[in-house]
PDB file of N, CA and C in Angstrom:
ATOM      1  N   MET A   1      14.148  -5.814  -6.048  1.00  0.00           N
ATOM      2  CA  MET A   1      13.985  -4.841  -4.856  1.00  0.00           C
ATOM      3  C   MET A   1      12.865  -4.411  -4.440  1.00  0.00           C
ATOM      4  N   GLY A   2      12.736  -3.771  -3.239  1.00  0.00           N
ATOM      5  CA  GLY A   2      11.471  -3.897  -2.915  1.00  0.00           C
ATOM      6  C   GLY A   2      10.418  -2.608  -3.274  1.00  0.00           C
ATOM      7  N   ARG A   3       9.593  -2.317  -2.061  1.00  0.00           N
ATOM      8  CA  ARG A   3       8.264  -1.289  -2.662  1.00  0.00           C
ATOM      9  C   ARG A   3       9.272   0.103  -2.548  1.00  0.00           C
ATOM     10  N   LYS A   4       9.038   1.157  -2.880  1.00  0.00           N
ATOM     11  CA  LYS A   4       9.095   2.271  -2.908  1.00  0.00           C
ATOM     12  C   LYS A   4       8.203   2.865  -2.377  1.00  0.00           C
ATOM     13  N   SER A   5       7.218   3.011  -1.745  1.00  0.00           N
ATOM     14  CA  SER A   5       6.341   3.602  -0.797  1.00  0.00           C
ATOM     15  C   SER A   5       5.566   2.702   0.041  1.00  0.00           C
ATOM     16  N   GLN A   6       4.980   3.551   1.117  1.00  0.00           N
ATOM     17  CA  GLN A   6       4.305   2.639   2.399  1.00  0.00           C
ATOM     18  C   GLN A   6       3.135   2.367   1.600  1.00  0.00           C
ATOM     19  N   GLU A   7       2.453   1.603   2.417  1.00  0.00           N
ATOM     20  CA  GLU A   7       1.184   0.715   2.377  1.00  0.00           C
ATOM     21  C   GLU A   7       0.704   1.474   2.867  1.00  0.00           C
ATOM     22  N   LEU A   8      -0.730   1.560   2.377  1.00  0.00           N
ATOM     23  CA  LEU A   8      -1.866   2.482   2.968  1.00  0.00           C
ATOM     24  C   LEU A   8      -2.818   1.273   4.375  1.00  0.00           C
ATOM     25  N   SER A   9      -3.081   2.306   5.337  1.00  0.00           N
ATOM     26  CA  SER A   9      -3.603   1.731   6.440  1.00  0.00           C
ATOM     27  C   SER A   9      -4.941   1.129   5.681  1.00  0.00           C
ATOM     28  N   ALA A  10      -5.644   0.067   6.902  1.00  0.00           N
ATOM     29  CA  ALA A  10      -6.713  -0.353   6.189  1.00  0.00           C
ATOM     30  C   ALA A  10      -7.950   1.054   6.187  1.00  0.00           C
ATOM     31  N   ALA A  11      -7.299   2.135   7.293  1.00  0.00           N
ATOM     32  CA  ALA A  11      -8.509   3.091   7.513  1.00  0.00           C
ATOM     33  C   ALA A  11      -8.739   3.366   6.049  1.00  0.00           C
ATOM     34  N   TRP A  12      -7.471   3.925   5.699  1.00  0.00           N
ATOM     35  CA  TRP A  12      -7.649   4.270   4.330  1.00  0.00           C
ATOM     36  C   TRP A  12      -8.042   3.903   2.902  1.00  0.00           C
ATOM     37  N   LYS A  13      -8.338   2.342   3.230  1.00  0.00           N
ATOM     38  CA  LYS A  13      -8.834   1.541   2.001  1.00  0.00           C
ATOM     39  C   LYS A  13     -10.219   2.100   2.460  1.00  0.00           C
ATOM     40  N   ASP A  14     -10.655   1.818   3.650  1.00  0.00           N
ATOM     41  CA  ASP A  14     -12.060   1.572   3.927  1.00  0.00           C
ATOM     42  C   ASP A  14     -12.651   3.010   3.226  1.00  0.00           C
ATOM     43  N   ARG A  15     -11.753   3.768   3.804  1.00  0.00           N
ATOM     44  CA  ARG A  15     -12.285   5.371   3.307  1.00  0.00           C
ATOM     45  C   ARG A  15     -12.507   5.404   1.520  1.00  0.00           C
ATOM     46  N   ILE A  16     -11.400   4.713   1.017  1.00  0.00           N
ATOM     47  CA  ILE A  16     -11.597   4.947  -0.324  1.00  0.00           C
ATOM     48  C   ILE A  16     -12.778   4.132  -0.856  1.00  0.00           C
ATOM     49  N   VAL A  17     -13.045   2.680  -0.038  1.00  0.00           N
ATOM     50  CA  VAL A  17     -14.094   1.974  -0.505  1.00  0.00           C
ATOM     51  C   VAL A  17     -15.607   2.894  -0.489  1.00  0.00           C
ATOM     52  N   SER A  18     -15.581   3.731   0.920  1.00  0.00           N
ATOM     53  CA  SER A  18     -16.836   4.188   1.324  1.00  0.00           C
ATOM     54  C   SER A  18     -17.044   5.068  -0.170  1.00  0.00           C
ATOM     55  N   LEU A  19     -16.088   5.887  -0.365  1.00  0.00           N
ATOM     56  CA  LEU A  19     -16.326   6.995  -1.410  1.00  0.00           C
ATOM     57  C   LEU A  19     -16.837   6.114  -2.658  1.00  0.00           C
ATOM     58  N   PHE A  20     -15.826   5.006  -2.705  1.00  0.00           N
ATOM     59  CA  PHE A  20     -16.932   4.590  -4.219  1.00  0.00           C
ATOM     60  C   PHE A  20     -17.645   4.110  -4.102  1.00  0.00           C
ATOM     61  N   LYS A  21     -18.423   3.269  -3.040  1.00  0.00           N
ATOM     62  CA  LYS A  21     -19.809   3.042  -2.867  1.00  0.00           C
ATOM     63  C   LYS A  21     -21.027   4.187  -2.748  1.00  0.00           C
ATOM     64  N   GLN A  22     -20.599   5.640  -2.515  1.00  0.00           N
ATOM     65  CA  GLN A  22     -21.334   6.726  -2.286  1.00  0.00           C
ATOM     66  C   GLN A  22     -21.372   7.213  -4.084  1.00  0.00           C
ATOM     67  N   GLY A  23     -20.136   6.376  -5.025  1.00  0.00           N
ATOM     68  CA  GLY A  23     -20.415   7.267  -6.014  1.00  0.00           C
ATOM     69  C   GLY A  23     -19.263   8.012  -6.767  1.00  0.00           C
ATOM     70  N   PHE A  24     -18.640   8.471  -6.341  1.00  0.00           N
ATOM     71  CA  PHE A  24     -17.620   9.161  -6.647  1.00  0.00           C
ATOM     72  C   PHE A  24     -16.683   8.589  -7.733  1.00  0.00           C
ATOM     73  N   SER A  25     -16.314   8.807  -8.812  1.00  0.00           N
ATOM     74  CA  SER A  25     -15.136   8.715 -10.136  1.00  0.00           C
ATOM     75  C   SER A  25     -13.849   7.920  -9.023  1.00  0.00           C
ATOM     76  N   TYR A  26     -12.701   7.301  -9.464  1.00  0.00           N
ATOM     77  CA  TYR A  26     -11.502   7.205  -9.295  1.00  0.00           C
ATOM     78  C   TYR A  26     -10.806   8.203  -9.005  1.00  0.00           C
ATOM     79  N   ARG A  27     -11.137   9.164 -10.123  1.00  0.00           N
ATOM     80  CA  ARG A  27     -10.325  10.263 -10.135  1.00  0.00           C
ATOM     81  C   ARG A  27     -10.630  11.375  -9.158  1.00  0.00           C
ATOM     82  N   LYS A  28     -11.722  11.409  -8.716  1.00  0.00           N
ATOM     83  CA  LYS A  28     -12.448  12.265  -7.542  1.00  0.00           C
ATOM     84  C   LYS A  28     -12.090  12.063  -6.520  1.00  0.00           C
ATOM     85  N   ILE A  29     -11.832  10.889  -5.738  1.00  0.00           N
ATOM     86  CA  ILE A  29     -11.958   9.631  -5.000  1.00  0.00           C
ATOM     87  C   ILE A  29     -10.095   9.944  -4.510  1.00  0.00           C
ATOM     88  N   GLY A  30      -9.321   9.625  -5.642  1.00  0.00           N
ATOM     89  CA  GLY A  30      -7.466   9.969  -5.454  1.00  0.00           C
ATOM     90  C   GLY A  30      -7.472  11.433  -5.098  1.00  0.00           C
ATOM     91  N   LYS A  31      -8.295  12.429  -5.881  1.00  0.00           N
ATOM     92  CA  LYS A  31      -7.802  13.829  -5.248  1.00  0.00           C
ATOM     93  C   LYS A  31      -8.418  14.245  -3.632  1.00  0.00           C
ATOM     94  N   LEU A  32      -9.367  13.446  -3.655  1.00  0.00           N
ATOM     95  CA  LEU A  32     -10.008  13.719  -1.876  1.00  0.00           C
ATOM     96  C   LEU A  32      -9.041  13.049  -1.069  1.00  0.00           C
ATOM     97  N   VAL A  33      -8.370  12.032  -1.592  1.00  0.00           N
ATOM     98  CA  VAL A  33      -7.366  11.438  -0.362  1.00  0.00           C
ATOM     99  C   VAL A  33      -6.082  11.310  -0.481  1.00  0.00           C
ATOM    100  N   LYS A  34      -5.878  12.283  -2.061  1.00  0.00           N
ATOM    101  CA  LYS A  34      -4.359  12.369  -1.362  1.00  0.00           C
ATOM    102  C   LYS A  34      -3.365  11.319  -2.466  1.00  0.00           C
ATOM    103  N   ARG A  35      -4.291  10.578  -3.206  1.00  0.00           N
ATOM    104  CA  ARG A  35      -3.661   9.020  -3.928  1.00  0.00           C
ATOM    105  C   ARG A  35      -3.930   9.073  -5.005  1.00  0.00           C
ATOM    106  N   SER A  36      -3.022   8.513  -6.103  1.00  0.00           N
ATOM    107  CA  SER A  36      -3.316   8.657  -7.822  1.00  0.00           C
ATOM    108  C   SER A  36      -4.455   7.607  -8.252  1.00  0.00           C
ATOM    109  N   HIS A  37      -4.932   7.995  -9.553  1.00  0.00           N
ATOM    110  CA  HIS A  37      -6.341   7.433  -9.312  1.00  0.00           C
ATOM    111  C   HIS A  37      -6.056   6.088  -9.502  1.00  0.00           C
ATOM    112  N   ALA A  38      -4.636   5.570 -10.145  1.00  0.00           N
ATOM    113  CA  ALA A  38      -4.503   4.390 -10.589  1.00  0.00           C
ATOM    114  C   ALA A  38      -4.293   3.215  -9.144  1.00  0.00           C
ATOM    115  N   THR A  39      -3.847   4.312  -7.610  1.00  0.00           N
ATOM    116  CA  THR A  39      -3.923   3.290  -6.705  1.00  0.00           C
ATOM    117  C   THR A  39      -5.324   2.794  -5.922  1.00  0.00           C
ATOM    118  N   VAL A  40      -6.144   4.014  -6.558  1.00  0.00           N
ATOM    119  CA  VAL A  40      -7.157   3.716  -6.051  1.00  0.00           C
ATOM    120  C   VAL A  40      -7.774   2.850  -6.955  1.00  0.00           C
ATOM    121  N   GLN A  41      -7.972   2.795  -7.937  1.00  0.00           N
ATOM    122  CA  GLN A  41      -8.635   1.479  -8.596  1.00  0.00           C
ATOM    123  C   GLN A  41      -8.413   0.491  -8.614  1.00  0.00           C
ATOM    124  N   TYR A  42      -6.753   0.034  -7.917  1.00  0.00           N
ATOM    125  CA  TYR A  42      -6.439  -1.204  -7.378  1.00  0.00           C
ATOM    126  C   TYR A  42      -6.890  -1.564  -6.310  1.00  0.00           C
ATOM    127  N   ILE A  43      -7.167  -0.820  -5.265  1.00  0.00           N
ATOM    128  CA  ILE A  43      -7.942  -0.727  -3.985  1.00  0.00           C
ATOM    129  C   ILE A  43      -9.377  -1.420  -4.212  1.00  0.00           C
ATOM    130  N   ILE A  44      -9.984  -0.499  -5.134  1.00  0.00           N
ATOM    131  CA  ILE A  44     -11.197  -1.119  -5.422  1.00  0.00           C
ATOM    132  C   ILE A  44     -11.673  -2.078  -6.298  1.00  0.00           C
ATOM    133  N   LYS A  45     -10.575  -2.889  -7.168  1.00  0.00           N
ATOM    134  CA  LYS A  45     -10.190  -3.673  -8.071  1.00  0.00           C
ATOM    135  C   LYS A  45      -9.859  -5.224  -6.869  1.00  0.00           C
ATOM    136  N   LYS A  46      -9.227  -4.457  -5.935  1.00  0.00           N
ATOM    137  CA  LYS A  46      -9.443  -5.755  -4.847  1.00  0.00           C
ATOM    138  C   LYS A  46     -10.134  -6.302  -3.754  1.00  0.00           C
ATOM    139  N   PHE A  47     -11.002  -4.929  -3.240  1.00  0.00           N
ATOM    140  CA  PHE A  47     -12.341  -4.960  -2.698  1.00  0.00           C
ATOM    141  C   PHE A  47     -13.264  -5.419  -3.296  1.00  0.00           C
ATOM    142  N   LYS A  48     -13.604  -5.594  -5.222  1.00  0.00           N
ATOM    143  CA  LYS A  48     -14.758  -6.090  -5.477  1.00  0.00           C
ATOM    144  C   LYS A  48     -14.306  -7.679  -5.741  1.00  0.00           C
ATOM    145  N   THR A  49     -13.209  -8.446  -5.534  1.00  0.00           N
ATOM    146  CA  THR A  49     -13.033  -9.733  -6.121  1.00  0.00           C
ATOM    147  C   THR A  49     -12.663 -10.114  -4.362  1.00  0.00           C
ATOM    148  N   GLY A  50     -12.944  -9.243  -3.179  1.00  0.00           N
ATOM    149  CA  GLY A  50     -12.684 -10.091  -1.988  1.00  0.00           C
ATOM    150  C   GLY A  50     -12.200  -9.070  -0.629  1.00  0.00           C
ATOM    151  N   SER A  51     -11.143  -9.323  -0.387  1.00  0.00           N
ATOM    152  CA  SER A  51     -10.820  -8.357   0.469  1.00  0.00           C
ATOM    153  C   SER A  51      -9.305  -7.231   0.274  1.00  0.00           C
ATOM    154  N   THR A  52      -9.697  -6.220   0.835  1.00  0.00           N
ATOM    155  CA  THR A  52      -8.718  -5.284   0.308  1.00  0.00           C
ATOM    156  C   THR A  52      -7.281  -5.109   1.994  1.00  0.00           C
ATOM    157  N   ASP A  53      -7.374  -6.642   2.808  1.00  0.00           N
ATOM    158  CA  ASP A  53      -6.143  -6.582   3.542  1.00  0.00           C
ATOM    159  C   ASP A  53      -4.621  -6.540   2.836  1.00  0.00           C
ATOM    160  N   ASN A  54      -3.428  -6.038   3.441  1.00  0.00           N
ATOM    161  CA  ASN A  54      -2.355  -6.378   3.135  1.00  0.00           C
ATOM    162  C   ASN A  54      -1.805  -7.706   2.957  1.00  0.00           C
ATOM    163  N   ALA A  55      -1.101  -8.134   2.417  1.00  0.00           N
ATOM    164  CA  ALA A  55      -1.065  -9.552   2.039  1.00  0.00           C
ATOM    165  C   ALA A  55       0.516  -9.430   2.740  1.00  0.00           C
ATOM    166  N   ARG A  56       0.394 -10.444   3.546  1.00  0.00           N
ATOM    167  CA  ARG A  56       1.528 -11.492   4.345  1.00  0.00           C
ATOM    168  C   ARG A  56       2.556 -11.588   3.723  1.00  0.00           C
ATOM    169  N   ARG A  57       3.443 -11.568   4.172  1.00  0.00           N
ATOM    170  CA  ARG A  57       5.209 -11.786   3.759  1.00  0.00           C
ATOM    171  C   ARG A  57       6.007 -12.943   3.853  1.00  0.00           C
ATOM    172  N   GLN A  58       6.853 -13.735   3.178  1.00  0.00           N
ATOM    173  CA  GLN A  58       7.251 -14.506   3.021  1.00  0.00           C
ATOM    174  C   GLN A  58       8.427 -14.486   4.007  1.00  0.00           C
ATOM    175  N   GLY A  59       8.492 -15.310   4.811  1.00  0.00           N
ATOM    176  CA  GLY A  59       9.893 -15.450   5.416  1.00  0.00           C
ATOM    177  C   GLY A  59       9.915 -14.159   6.418  1.00  0.00           C
ATOM    178  N   ARG A  60      11.612 -14.622   7.017  1.00  0.00           N
ATOM    179  CA  ARG A  60      11.452 -13.695   8.305  1.00  0.00           C
ATOM    180  C   ARG A  60      11.657 -12.559   8.430  1.00  0.00           C
ATOM    181  N   PRO A  61      11.279 -11.463   8.654  1.00  0.00           N
ATOM    182  CA  PRO A  61      11.454  -9.714   8.708  1.00  0.00           C
ATOM    183  C   PRO A  61      12.862  -9.545   9.008  1.00  0.00           C
ATOM    184  N   ARG A  62      13.690  -8.827   8.125  1.00  0.00           N
ATOM    185  CA  ARG A  62      15.300  -8.336   8.663  1.00  0.00           C
ATOM    186  C   ARG A  62      15.367  -7.875   9.787  1.00  0.00           C
ATOM    187  N   VAL A  63      16.942  -8.643  10.217  1.00  0.00           N
ATOM    188  CA  VAL A  63      16.966  -7.506  11.962  1.00  0.00           C
ATOM    189  C   VAL A  63      17.341  -6.143  11.698  1.00  0.00           C
ATOM    190  N   ILE A  64      18.364  -6.308  11.006  1.00  0.00           N
ATOM    191  CA  ILE A  64      19.042  -5.052  10.289  1.00  0.00           C
ATOM    192  C   ILE A  64      18.767  -4.839   8.906  1.00  0.00           C
ATOM    193  N   SER A  65      18.739  -3.221   8.707  1.00  0.00           N
ATOM    194  CA  SER A  65      18.610  -2.908   7.243  1.00  0.00           C
ATOM    195  C   SER A  65      19.757  -3.485   6.024  1.00  0.00           C
ATOM    196  N   GLN A  66      19.195  -2.996   5.124  1.00  0.00           N
ATOM    197  CA  GLN A  66      20.431  -3.546   3.674  1.00  0.00           C
ATOM    198  C   GLN A  66      21.232  -2.269   4.285  1.00  0.00           C
ATOM    199  N   ARG A  67      20.971  -1.144   4.615  1.00  0.00           N
ATOM    200  CA  ARG A  67      22.564  -0.086   4.842  1.00  0.00           C
ATOM    201  C   ARG A  67      23.286  -0.395   5.881  1.00  0.00           C
ATOM    202  N   GLU A  68      22.606  -1.053   6.891  1.00  0.00           N
ATOM    203  CA  GLU A  68      23.417  -1.567   8.318  1.00  0.00           C
ATOM    204  C   GLU A  68      24.298  -2.451   7.467  1.00  0.00           C
ATOM    205  N   SER A  69      23.354  -3.778   6.876  1.00  0.00           N
ATOM    206  CA  SER A  69      24.482  -5.134   6.390  1.00  0.00           C
ATOM    207  C   SER A  69      25.633  -4.652   5.914  1.00  0.00           C
ATOM    208  N   HIS A  70      25.570  -3.473   4.787  1.00  0.00           N
ATOM    209  CA  HIS A  70      26.879  -2.840   3.793  1.00  0.00           C
ATOM    210  C   HIS A  70      27.659  -2.262   4.534  1.00  0.00           C
ATOM    211  N   GLN A  71      27.195  -1.705   5.565  1.00  0.00           N
ATOM    212  CA  GLN A  71      28.535  -0.885   6.622  1.00  0.00           C
ATOM    213  C   GLN A  71      28.852  -2.190   7.241  1.00  0.00           C
ATOM    214  N   LEU A  72      28.065  -3.114   7.929  1.00  0.00           N
ATOM    215  CA  LEU A  72      29.271  -4.144   8.731  1.00  0.00           C
ATOM    216  C   LEU A  72      30.171  -4.778   7.593  1.00  0.00           C
ATOM    217  N   VAL A  73      29.880  -5.188   6.600  1.00  0.00           N
ATOM    218  CA  VAL A  73      30.687  -5.694   5.219  1.00  0.00           C
ATOM    219  C   VAL A  73      32.423  -5.093   5.567  1.00  0.00           C
ATOM    220  N   ARG A  74      31.301  -3.278   5.012  1.00  0.00           N
ATOM    221  CA  ARG A  74      32.960  -2.438   5.232  1.00  0.00           C
ATOM    222  C   ARG A  74      33.756  -2.371   6.322  1.00  0.00           C
ATOM    223  N   GLU A  75      33.219  -2.884   7.043  1.00  0.00           N
ATOM    224  CA  GLU A  75      33.876  -2.644   8.671  1.00  0.00           C
ATOM    225  C   GLU A  75      34.529  -3.725   8.635  1.00  0.00           C
ATOM    226  N   ALA A  76      34.410  -5.043   8.049  1.00  0.00           N
ATOM    227  CA  ALA A  76      35.062  -6.253   8.339  1.00  0.00           C
ATOM    228  C   ALA A  76      36.045  -6.141   7.232  1.00  0.00           C
TER     229      ALA A  76
END
């Protein structure tokens, strides 16, 4: 199965990192940006080890959604 939530944009990640540099705690940052403290912790961990960029995906993106694919199978 795929991800169940949207990825955070680079602007949000930069905001989280800047709040961390200002000395805010994970929980306080989470409340300010309305994300869980675990998400904030993960982003800061990625920042400390390198980059917060979104990972590239392997393969070609789907042309039709999973739902459309099932509908085509049913119609055929």
